[in-house]
C-alpha atoms as a PDB file:
ATOM      1  CA  MET A   1      -0.060   0.300  -0.087  1.00  0.00           C
ATOM      2  CA  THR A   2       1.382   3.837  -1.201  1.00  0.00           C
ATOM      3  CA  VAL A   3      -0.039   6.653   0.502  1.00  0.00           C
ATOM      4  CA  PHE A   4       0.522  10.386  -1.124  1.00  0.00           C
ATOM      5  CA  ILE A   5      -0.224  12.330   2.471  1.00  0.00           C
ATOM      6  CA  ILE A   6      -1.593  16.280   1.763  1.00  0.00           C
ATOM      7  CA  PRO A   7      -1.412  18.178   5.299  1.00  0.00           C
ATOM      8  CA  ASN A   8      -2.726  21.811   4.912  1.00  0.00           C
ATOM      9  CA  THR A   9       0.302  23.683   6.598  1.00  0.00           C
ATOM     10  CA  THR A  10      -1.605  26.606   6.886  1.00  0.00           C
ATOM     11  CA  LYS A  11      -3.284  24.713  10.073  1.00  0.00           C
ATOM     12  CA  PRO A  12      -1.030  24.715  12.954  1.00  0.00           C
ATOM     13  CA  ARG A  13      -0.696  20.555  14.159  1.00  0.00           C
ATOM     14  CA  ALA A  14      -0.751  19.092  10.623  1.00  0.00           C
ATOM     15  CA  ARG A  15       3.300  19.275  10.323  1.00  0.00           C
ATOM     16  CA  THR A  16       2.740  16.902  14.003  1.00  0.00           C
ATOM     17  CA  VAL A  17      -0.018  15.208  12.413  1.00  0.00           C
ATOM     18  CA  THR A  18       1.599  14.513   9.311  1.00  0.00           C
ATOM     19  CA  ALA A  19       4.042  12.637  11.183  1.00  0.00           C
ATOM     20  CA  GLN A  20       2.516  11.395  13.608  1.00  0.00           C
ATOM     21  CA  ALA A  21       0.478   9.449  10.731  1.00  0.00           C
ATOM     22  CA  VAL A  22       4.034   8.764   8.819  1.00  0.00           C
ATOM     23  CA  ARG A  23       5.160   6.526  11.579  1.00  0.00           C
ATOM     24  CA  ILE A  24       1.738   4.726  11.919  1.00  0.00           C
ATOM     25  CA  LEU A  25       2.211   4.272   8.065  1.00  0.00           C
ATOM     26  CA  ARG A  26       5.406   2.863   8.387  1.00  0.00           C
ATOM     27  CA  SER A  27       4.754   1.362  10.723  1.00  0.00           C
ATOM     28  CA  ALA A  28       2.253  -0.552   9.535  1.00  0.00           C
ATOM     29  CA  GLY A  29       4.247  -1.723   6.551  1.00  0.00           C
ATOM     30  CA  ALA A  30       3.165   1.321   4.543  1.00  0.00           C
ATOM     31  CA  ASN A  31       5.032   3.171   1.891  1.00  0.00           C
ATOM     32  CA  VAL A  32       4.364   6.924   2.403  1.00  0.00           C
ATOM     33  CA  ILE A  33       4.879   9.897  -0.001  1.00  0.00           C
ATOM     34  CA  LEU A  34       5.230  13.967   0.294  1.00  0.00           C
ATOM     35  CA  ALA A  35       4.812  16.251  -3.046  1.00  0.00           C
ATOM     36  CA  ILE A  36       7.707  17.963  -3.147  1.00  0.00           C
ATOM     37  CA  GLY A  37       7.773  21.809  -1.692  1.00  0.00           C
ATOM     38  CA  SER A  38       4.872  20.203   0.612  1.00  0.00           C
ATOM     39  CA  ASP A  39       6.434  22.401   3.165  1.00  0.00           C
ATOM     40  CA  VAL A  40       6.588  19.591   5.123  1.00  0.00           C
ATOM     41  CA  GLU A  41      10.646  18.876   6.753  1.00  0.00           C
ATOM     42  CA  THR A  42      11.827  16.071   5.258  1.00  0.00           C
ATOM     43  CA  LEU A  43      10.876  13.019   7.072  1.00  0.00           C
ATOM     44  CA  PRO A  44      12.406   9.868   7.381  1.00  0.00           C
ATOM     45  CA  GLY A  45      11.175   6.684   5.454  1.00  0.00           C
ATOM     46  CA  VAL A  46       8.920   8.968   2.877  1.00  0.00           C
ATOM     47  CA  ARG A  47       9.888   9.765  -0.436  1.00  0.00           C
ATOM     48  CA  TYR A  48       9.462  12.652  -1.666  1.00  0.00           C
ATOM     49  CA  LEU A  49       8.184  13.136  -5.012  1.00  0.00           C
ATOM     50  CA  PRO A  50       6.612  15.892  -7.518  1.00  0.00           C
ATOM     51  CA  LYS A  51       2.965  16.272  -7.066  1.00  0.00           C
ATOM     52  CA  ASP A  52       1.902  14.464 -10.225  1.00  0.00           C
ATOM     53  CA  GLN A  53       3.885  11.440 -10.459  1.00  0.00           C
ATOM     54  CA  ALA A  54       2.828  11.480  -6.899  1.00  0.00           C
ATOM     55  CA  PHE A  55      -0.148  11.449  -7.391  1.00  0.00           C
ATOM     56  CA  THR A  56       0.342   8.575 -10.184  1.00  0.00           C
ATOM     57  CA  ASP A  57       2.255   6.316  -8.010  1.00  0.00           C
ATOM     58  CA  CYS A  58       0.095   6.457  -4.903  1.00  0.00           C
ATOM     59  CA  ASP A  59      -3.026   4.132  -3.410  1.00  0.00           C
ATOM     60  CA  VAL A  60      -5.098   5.959  -1.445  1.00  0.00           C
ATOM     61  CA  VAL A  61      -4.121   9.459  -0.837  1.00  0.00           C
ATOM     62  CA  ILE A  62      -4.479  11.444   2.702  1.00  0.00           C
ATOM     63  CA  THR A  63      -5.026  15.069   3.263  1.00  0.00           C
ATOM     64  CA  ILE A  64      -4.708  16.150   7.227  1.00  0.00           C
ATOM     65  CA  GLY A  65      -6.721  19.780   7.191  1.00  0.00           C
ATOM     66  CA  GLY A  66     -10.277  20.004   7.288  1.00  0.00           C
ATOM     67  CA  ASP A  67     -13.421  19.658   4.785  1.00  0.00           C
ATOM     68  CA  GLY A  68     -11.793  21.964   3.065  1.00  0.00           C
ATOM     69  CA  THR A  69      -9.001  20.277   2.078  1.00  0.00           C
ATOM     70  CA  ILE A  70     -10.736  17.416   0.789  1.00  0.00           C
ATOM     71  CA  LEU A  71     -12.434  19.340  -1.400  1.00  0.00           C
ATOM     72  CA  HIS A  72      -9.617  20.848  -2.430  1.00  0.00           C
ATOM     73  CA  THR A  73      -7.919  18.334  -3.203  1.00  0.00           C
ATOM     74  CA  ALA A  74     -10.475  16.288  -4.592  1.00  0.00           C
ATOM     75  CA  LYS A  75     -10.351  17.952  -7.668  1.00  0.00           C
ATOM     76  CA  ASP A  76      -6.500  16.369  -8.482  1.00  0.00           C
ATOM     77  CA  CYS A  77      -8.196  12.884  -7.145  1.00  0.00           C
ATOM     78  CA  LEU A  78     -11.018  13.473  -9.635  1.00  0.00           C
ATOM     79  CA  GLU A  79      -8.519  13.085 -12.829  1.00  0.00           C
ATOM     80  CA  TYR A  80      -6.620  10.354 -11.165  1.00  0.00           C
ATOM     81  CA  ASP A  81      -8.823   7.788 -10.093  1.00  0.00           C
ATOM     82  CA  LYS A  82      -7.421   7.878  -6.199  1.00  0.00           C
ATOM     83  CA  PRO A  83      -9.787   7.292  -2.698  1.00  0.00           C
ATOM     84  CA  ILE A  84      -9.572  10.072   0.070  1.00  0.00           C
ATOM     85  CA  LEU A  85      -9.296   9.573   3.163  1.00  0.00           C
ATOM     86  CA  GLY A  86      -9.265  12.639   5.312  1.00  0.00           C
ATOM     87  CA  ILE A  87      -7.121  13.385   8.940  1.00  0.00           C
ATOM     88  CA  ASN A  88      -9.753  16.683  10.133  1.00  0.00           C
ATOM     89  CA  LEU A  89      -8.236  19.688  11.978  1.00  0.00           C
ATOM     90  CA  GLY A  90     -10.820  21.330  11.581  1.00  0.00           C
ATOM     91  CA  ARG A  91     -13.746  22.352  13.492  1.00  0.00           C
ATOM     92  CA  MET A  92     -17.178  19.738  11.092  1.00  0.00           C
ATOM     93  CA  GLY A  93     -15.553  17.622   8.570  1.00  0.00           C
ATOM     94  CA  PHE A  94     -18.220  15.538   7.391  1.00  0.00           C
ATOM     95  CA  LEU A  95     -15.950  14.506   4.910  1.00  0.00           C
ATOM     96  CA  ALA A  96     -12.727  13.617   6.844  1.00  0.00           C
ATOM     97  CA  THR A  97     -14.216  10.289   8.288  1.00  0.00           C
ATOM     98  CA  CYS A  98     -10.677   9.961  10.538  1.00  0.00           C
ATOM     99  CA  GLU A  99     -10.019  12.147  14.230  1.00  0.00           C
ATOM    100  CA  VAL A 100      -6.681  12.322  15.474  1.00  0.00           C
ATOM    101  CA  ASN A 101      -7.399  10.447  18.615  1.00  0.00           C
ATOM    102  CA  GLU A 102      -8.215   6.985  15.586  1.00  0.00           C
ATOM    103  CA  MET A 103      -4.903   7.304  13.959  1.00  0.00           C
ATOM    104  CA  GLN A 104      -3.398   4.503  15.101  1.00  0.00           C
ATOM    105  CA  ALA A 105      -6.792   2.212  14.792  1.00  0.00           C
ATOM    106  CA  LYS A 106      -7.493   3.940  11.042  1.00  0.00           C
ATOM    107  CA  LEU A 107      -4.442   4.085   9.776  1.00  0.00           C
ATOM    108  CA  THR A 108      -2.952   0.998  10.390  1.00  0.00           C
ATOM    109  CA  ARG A 109      -6.028   0.309   8.951  1.00  0.00           C
ATOM    110  CA  LEU A 110      -5.821   1.409   5.968  1.00  0.00           C
ATOM    111  CA  ALA A 111      -2.388   0.769   5.530  1.00  0.00           C
ATOM    112  CA  LYS A 112      -3.517  -3.372   5.263  1.00  0.00           C
ATOM    113  CA  GLY A 113      -6.506  -2.879   3.151  1.00  0.00           C
ATOM    114  CA  GLN A 114      -9.363  -2.829   5.794  1.00  0.00           C
ATOM    115  CA  PHE A 115     -10.951  -0.857   4.025  1.00  0.00           C
ATOM    116  CA  GLN A 116     -13.519   0.562   2.244  1.00  0.00           C
ATOM    117  CA  CYS A 117     -14.426   3.374  -0.953  1.00  0.00           C
ATOM    118  CA  ASP A 118     -17.562   5.688  -0.718  1.00  0.00           C
ATOM    119  CA  LYS A 119     -18.854   6.346  -4.117  1.00  0.00           C
ATOM    120  CA  ARG A 120     -20.570   9.744  -3.916  1.00  0.00           C
ATOM    121  CA  MET A 121     -21.449  11.790  -6.994  1.00  0.00           C
ATOM    122  CA  LEU A 122     -20.554  14.892  -7.948  1.00  0.00           C
ATOM    123  CA  LEU A 123     -22.452  17.775 -10.188  1.00  0.00           C
ATOM    124  CA  ASN A 124     -21.250  19.799 -12.861  1.00  0.00           C
ATOM    125  CA  ALA A 125     -22.272  23.808 -13.416  1.00  0.00           C
ATOM    126  CA  ILE A 126     -21.849  25.391 -17.152  1.00  0.00           C
ATOM    127  CA  VAL A 127     -22.468  29.182 -16.819  1.00  0.00           C
ATOM    128  CA  ASP A 128     -24.691  31.020 -19.489  1.00  0.00           C
ATOM    129  CA  ASP A 129     -24.162  27.257 -22.064  1.00  0.00           C
ATOM    130  CA  ASP A 130     -20.554  27.414 -21.812  1.00  0.00           C
ATOM    131  CA  ALA A 131     -19.772  24.028 -22.290  1.00  0.00           C
ATOM    132  CA  SER A 132     -15.747  24.636 -22.054  1.00  0.00           C
ATOM    133  CA  ASN A 133     -15.713  25.852 -18.538  1.00  0.00           C
ATOM    134  CA  ALA A 134     -17.810  23.891 -16.837  1.00  0.00           C
ATOM    135  CA  GLN A 135     -16.685  23.141 -13.109  1.00  0.00           C
ATOM    136  CA  THR A 136     -18.142  19.502 -10.770  1.00  0.00           C
ATOM    137  CA  ALA A 137     -18.549  20.083  -7.359  1.00  0.00           C
ATOM    138  CA  LEU A 138     -18.628  17.468  -4.729  1.00  0.00           C
ATOM    139  CA  ASN A 139     -20.458  19.112  -1.791  1.00  0.00           C
ATOM    140  CA  ASP A 140     -22.799  22.407  -3.853  1.00  0.00           C
ATOM    141  CA  VAL A 141     -22.983  25.219  -6.671  1.00  0.00           C
ATOM    142  CA  VAL A 142     -24.033  28.075  -5.220  1.00  0.00           C
ATOM    143  CA  ILE A 143     -24.844  31.560  -6.366  1.00  0.00           C
ATOM    144  CA  TYR A 144     -24.730  34.478  -4.124  1.00  0.00           C
ATOM    145  CA  LYS A 145     -25.838  37.832  -4.704  1.00  0.00           C
ATOM    146  CA  GLY A 146     -22.180  40.728  -3.801  1.00  0.00           C
ATOM    147  CA  HIS A 147     -21.832  43.743  -0.991  1.00  0.00           C
ATOM    148  CA  ARG A 148     -25.250  45.736  -1.445  1.00  0.00           C
ATOM    149  CA  LEU A 149     -28.096  44.935   0.112  1.00  0.00           C
ATOM    150  CA  GLN A 150     -30.401  44.475  -2.117  1.00  0.00           C
ATOM    151  CA  THR A 151     -32.097  41.014  -3.005  1.00  0.00           C
ATOM    152  CA  ILE A 152     -31.374  39.509  -6.079  1.00  0.00           C
ATOM    153  CA  ASP A 153     -34.871  37.031  -8.453  1.00  0.00           C
ATOM    154  CA  PHE A 154     -34.258  34.485  -9.644  1.00  0.00           C
ATOM    155  CA  ASN A 155     -36.228  32.141 -11.868  1.00  0.00           C
ATOM    156  CA  ILE A 156     -35.404  28.472 -10.723  1.00  0.00           C
ATOM    157  CA  TYR A 157     -36.382  25.328 -13.733  1.00  0.00           C
ATOM    158  CA  CYS A 158     -36.147  21.725 -13.654  1.00  0.00           C
ATOM    159  CA  ASP A 159     -35.861  19.621 -17.179  1.00  0.00           C
ATOM    160  CA  ALA A 160     -37.041  23.602 -18.328  1.00  0.00           C
ATOM    161  CA  ILE A 161     -39.767  23.675 -16.278  1.00  0.00           C
ATOM    162  CA  LEU A 162     -40.231  26.325 -14.329  1.00  0.00           C
ATOM    163  CA  VAL A 163     -41.081  25.561 -10.450  1.00  0.00           C
ATOM    164  CA  ASN A 164     -39.752  28.053  -8.160  1.00  0.00           C
ATOM    165  CA  GLN A 165     -40.325  32.438  -8.755  1.00  0.00           C
ATOM    166  CA  CYS A 166     -38.190  33.934  -5.637  1.00  0.00           C
ATOM    167  CA  SER A 167     -35.552  36.843  -4.149  1.00  0.00           C
ATOM    168  CA  GLY A 168     -33.227  36.144  -1.655  1.00  0.00           C
ATOM    169  CA  ASP A 169     -29.510  36.324  -1.067  1.00  0.00           C
ATOM    170  CA  GLY A 170     -28.306  33.397  -3.360  1.00  0.00           C
ATOM    171  CA  VAL A 171     -29.328  29.901  -4.055  1.00  0.00           C
ATOM    172  CA  ILE A 172     -27.440  26.760  -2.990  1.00  0.00           C
ATOM    173  CA  ILE A 173     -27.684  24.028  -4.978  1.00  0.00           C
ATOM    174  CA  SER A 174     -25.691  20.802  -3.348  1.00  0.00           C
ATOM    175  CA  THR A 175     -25.691  16.907  -3.429  1.00  0.00           C
ATOM    176  CA  PRO A 176     -26.507  14.595  -0.161  1.00  0.00           C
ATOM    177  CA  THR A 177     -22.513  14.774   0.070  1.00  0.00           C
ATOM    178  CA  GLY A 178     -23.011  18.781   0.709  1.00  0.00           C
ATOM    179  CA  SER A 179     -26.485  18.169   2.107  1.00  0.00           C
ATOM    180  CA  THR A 180     -24.643  18.823   5.969  1.00  0.00           C
ATOM    181  CA  ALA A 181     -23.177  22.023   4.822  1.00  0.00           C
ATOM    182  CA  TYR A 182     -23.629  24.626   3.416  1.00  0.00           C
ATOM    183  CA  SER A 183     -26.845  23.515   2.728  1.00  0.00           C
ATOM    184  CA  LEU A 184     -28.187  22.685   6.304  1.00  0.00           C
ATOM    185  CA  SER A 185     -26.858  26.122   7.749  1.00  0.00           C
ATOM    186  CA  ALA A 186     -29.753  27.657   5.001  1.00  0.00           C
ATOM    187  CA  GLY A 187     -32.473  24.993   6.506  1.00  0.00           C
ATOM    188  CA  GLY A 188     -32.053  22.618   3.928  1.00  0.00           C
ATOM    189  CA  PRO A 189     -32.547  18.504   4.366  1.00  0.00           C
ATOM    190  CA  ILE A 190     -30.207  16.384   5.608  1.00  0.00           C
ATOM    191  CA  LEU A 191     -30.512  13.644   2.762  1.00  0.00           C
ATOM    192  CA  ASP A 192     -28.206  10.084   3.084  1.00  0.00           C
ATOM    193  CA  ALA A 193     -24.880  10.531   0.815  1.00  0.00           C
ATOM    194  CA  HIS A 194     -26.618   7.029  -1.373  1.00  0.00           C
ATOM    195  CA  ILE A 195     -29.090   8.627  -2.497  1.00  0.00           C
ATOM    196  CA  GLU A 196     -28.295   9.713  -5.581  1.00  0.00           C
ATOM    197  CA  GLY A 197     -30.780  13.247  -5.786  1.00  0.00           C
ATOM    198  CA  ILE A 198     -30.147  17.251  -5.723  1.00  0.00           C
ATOM    199  CA  VAL A 199     -30.851  19.623  -3.148  1.00  0.00           C
ATOM    200  CA  VAL A 200     -32.436  23.187  -3.642  1.00  0.00           C
ATOM    201  CA  SER A 201     -31.746  25.796  -0.853  1.00  0.00           C
ATOM    202  CA  MET A 202     -32.546  28.816  -0.869  1.00  0.00           C
ATOM    203  CA  ILE A 203     -30.335  31.933   1.291  1.00  0.00           C
ATOM    204  CA  CYS A 204     -32.053  34.120   3.175  1.00  0.00           C
ATOM    205  CA  ALA A 205     -35.099  33.489   0.605  1.00  0.00           C
ATOM    206  CA  HIS A 206     -37.553  36.944   0.599  1.00  0.00           C
ATOM    207  CA  SER A 207     -40.335  35.653   1.992  1.00  0.00           C
ATOM    208  CA  LEU A 208     -42.291  33.694   5.495  1.00  0.00           C
ATOM    209  CA  HIS A 209     -42.391  30.375   3.190  1.00  0.00           C
ATOM    210  CA  GLN A 210     -39.611  29.097   0.771  1.00  0.00           C
ATOM    211  CA  PRO A 211     -38.523  25.346   1.629  1.00  0.00           C
ATOM    212  CA  SER A 212     -36.146  23.451   0.056  1.00  0.00           C
ATOM    213  CA  MET A 213     -36.593  21.496  -2.916  1.00  0.00           C
ATOM    214  CA  VAL A 214     -34.809  18.075  -3.808  1.00  0.00           C
ATOM    215  CA  PHE A 215     -35.019  16.686  -7.769  1.00  0.00           C
ATOM    216  CA  ALA A 216     -34.153  13.521  -8.662  1.00  0.00           C
ATOM    217  CA  ALA A 217     -30.418  13.202 -10.015  1.00  0.00           C
ATOM    218  CA  ASP A 218     -30.728  13.208 -13.526  1.00  0.00           C
ATOM    219  CA  ARG A 219     -32.483  16.318 -13.812  1.00  0.00           C
ATOM    220  CA  CYS A 220     -31.332  19.680 -14.349  1.00  0.00           C
ATOM    221  CA  ILE A 221     -31.670  22.692 -12.766  1.00  0.00           C
ATOM    222  CA  ARG A 222     -31.304  25.569 -14.483  1.00  0.00           C
ATOM    223  CA  ILE A 223     -31.103  28.775 -12.349  1.00  0.00           C
ATOM    224  CA  GLU A 224     -32.088  31.845 -13.844  1.00  0.00           C
ATOM    225  CA  VAL A 225     -31.066  35.379 -12.400  1.00  0.00           C
ATOM    226  CA  ASN A 226     -32.457  39.362 -12.591  1.00  0.00           C
ATOM    227  CA  ALA A 227     -29.914  41.084 -10.434  1.00  0.00           C
ATOM    228  CA  LYS A 228     -32.295  44.734 -11.503  1.00  0.00           C
ATOM    229  CA  GLY A 229     -28.940  46.237 -12.474  1.00  0.00           C
ATOM    230  CA  ARG A 230     -27.910  47.034  -8.803  1.00  0.00           C
ATOM    231  CA  ASN A 231     -26.537  43.791  -7.708  1.00  0.00           C
ATOM    232  CA  GLU A 232     -22.988  42.233  -8.294  1.00  0.00           C
ATOM    233  CA  ILE A 233     -23.731  38.375  -8.675  1.00  0.00           C
ATOM    234  CA  PHE A 234     -21.024  36.038  -8.089  1.00  0.00           C
ATOM    235  CA  PHE A 235     -21.047  32.175  -8.624  1.00  0.00           C
ATOM    236  CA  SER A 236     -18.824  29.820  -7.057  1.00  0.00           C
ATOM    237  CA  THR A 237     -18.626  25.191  -6.822  1.00  0.00           C
ATOM    238  CA  ASP A 238     -17.185  24.113  -3.689  1.00  0.00           C
ATOM    239  CA  GLY A 239     -16.439  27.412  -2.192  1.00  0.00           C
ATOM    240  CA  GLU A 240     -13.661  27.889  -4.673  1.00  0.00           C
ATOM    241  CA  GLU A 241     -12.811  29.355  -7.943  1.00  0.00           C
ATOM    242  CA  GLU A 242     -15.285  32.084  -7.457  1.00  0.00           C
ATOM    243  CA  ARG A 243     -15.983  33.802 -10.645  1.00  0.00           C
ATOM    244  CA  SER A 244     -18.805  36.991 -11.941  1.00  0.00           C
ATOM    245  CA  LEU A 245     -22.282  36.144 -13.358  1.00  0.00           C
ATOM    246  CA  GLN A 246     -24.048  38.489 -15.460  1.00  0.00           C
ATOM    247  CA  ASP A 247     -27.057  39.534 -14.713  1.00  0.00           C
ATOM    248  CA  GLY A 248     -29.804  38.329 -16.707  1.00  0.00           C
ATOM    249  CA  GLY A 249     -27.286  34.982 -16.913  1.00  0.00           C
ATOM    250  CA  HIS A 250     -28.284  30.883 -15.633  1.00  0.00           C
ATOM    251  CA  VAL A 251     -26.548  28.034 -14.742  1.00  0.00           C
ATOM    252  CA  GLU A 252     -27.078  24.960 -15.488  1.00  0.00           C
ATOM    253  CA  VAL A 253     -26.763  21.529 -12.974  1.00  0.00           C
ATOM    254  CA  GLU A 254     -26.312  18.124 -13.341  1.00  0.00           C
ATOM    255  CA  LEU A 255     -25.122  15.571 -12.425  1.00  0.00           C
ATOM    256  CA  SER A 256     -21.953  14.123 -14.200  1.00  0.00           C
ATOM    257  CA  ARG A 257     -20.912  11.103 -15.587  1.00  0.00           C
ATOM    258  CA  GLN A 258     -17.031  11.035 -12.796  1.00  0.00           C
ATOM    259  CA  SER A 259     -17.082  10.252  -9.291  1.00  0.00           C
ATOM    260  CA  ILE A 260     -15.247  10.412  -5.905  1.00  0.00           C
ATOM    261  CA  ARG A 261     -14.110   8.121  -4.112  1.00  0.00           C
ATOM    262  CA  LEU A 262     -14.409   8.460  -0.386  1.00  0.00           C
ATOM    263  CA  VAL A 263     -12.853   6.502   2.261  1.00  0.00           C
ATOM    264  CA  THR A 264     -14.936   4.527   4.911  1.00  0.00           C
ATOM    265  CA  PHE A 265     -15.131   2.289   7.450  1.00  0.00           C
ATOM    266  CA  SER A 266     -17.672   1.740   9.091  1.00  0.00           C
ATOM    267  CA  LEU A 267     -21.125   1.987   6.067  1.00  0.00           C
ATOM    268  CA  ALA A 268     -22.192   4.006   9.061  1.00  0.00           C
ATOM    269  CA  ASP A 269     -19.911   6.551   9.277  1.00  0.00           C
ATOM    270  CA  GLN A 270     -21.643  10.055   6.918  1.00  0.00           C
ATOM    271  CA  PHE A 271     -24.853   8.948  10.558  1.00  0.00           C
ATOM    272  CA  ASP A 272     -21.785   8.284  13.423  1.00  0.00           C
ATOM    273  CA  ALA A 273     -20.563  12.578  12.276  1.00  0.00           C
ATOM    274  CA  ILE A 274     -24.167  13.609  11.741  1.00  0.00           C
ATOM    275  CA  ASP A 275     -24.756  12.322  15.555  1.00  0.00           C
ATOM    276  CA  ARG A 276     -21.288  13.429  17.382  1.00  0.00           C
ATOM    277  CA  LYS A 277     -20.649  16.637  14.828  1.00  0.00           C
ATOM    278  CA  LEU A 278     -24.100  18.090  14.960  1.00  0.00           C
ATOM    279  CA  ARG A 279     -26.104  16.829  17.874  1.00  0.00           C
ATOM    280  CA  GLY A 280     -22.810  16.498  19.998  1.00  0.00           C
ATOM    281  CA  ARG A 281     -22.637  13.174  21.977  1.00  0.00           C
END
C-alpha cells in the first residue's frame, strides 16, 4: 500500500500530525509519499516526489486539514482516480472520516487494506451555456450576491419547467454529500449520502415560507438570475473558483458522469458524524 499525504500546513497542528501519520503508516508496512514543496521537513522513510508523480504512484490519498482541504484535493483525486481519506483538523469535518485520536487504529487498517470506498456523486455546472468551462462540485454550487443590500430575483427550472420564482441573497444547489454543509445552514434537509439527488435551497429568502426542494439526480436544474442591474452576482463550486455572473445570466446544474471515492471504515460513518458533530454526543 502506497499512501500520498497532503497536509494543509496553514493549520497549526498539520506538521506534527503529518509526522505522526507517517510513523503509524510506516510501522504498519505502508509506503509514504509527500510532494516536493509540501512545506513539511524531511521525514525518515518518506519519498518526496513531484505532485503529478505522487498521484500516479499512490494507492490512496490522505489529506490532513479540514473539509476544505478534502474539497480542494478532490479535483486531483478525480483526475487520477484515487480514493481519499481525510484526517480532521477542522471544526466539523463531515467529509473527514478520521479524527486525530483515531489515527492509530484507522491508519493501521488503511495500510493493511481493511477499508471500504464510498462512492459519492458530483455535480457539473455550466454558466451561460459555456460547456468548455464546466465546473465540478462534490458539495455544492452556489450563486450569491456581492456587497450590496438588494435581493436578487431567481427563476428556478427543472428540465425546462419553471418550478419556482423567488427572491433572496442566493441559491445553493447541493449534492447529498453537501447536504450537511452550507445547504443545512440555509435550512435544507440532510440526505443520505448514498441517495442520488439534488437539493435546491434559498439563502435568506425574502418570503415567509420558502422550503428547499429535492430533485432526482437525473434532472437538469437551471437557475436564471435578475439582479435588477444593482447587484454584483457571483458563482462558485465547493467554495472555490469564484467568478462573476452577469445580470440575466444563468447556471445549469446536473449530475456528473464522474464520481469520487471517499475512504470509509463503516457504512454508518456519515450518520456517526451527524450524531457526534451536529448533536454533540
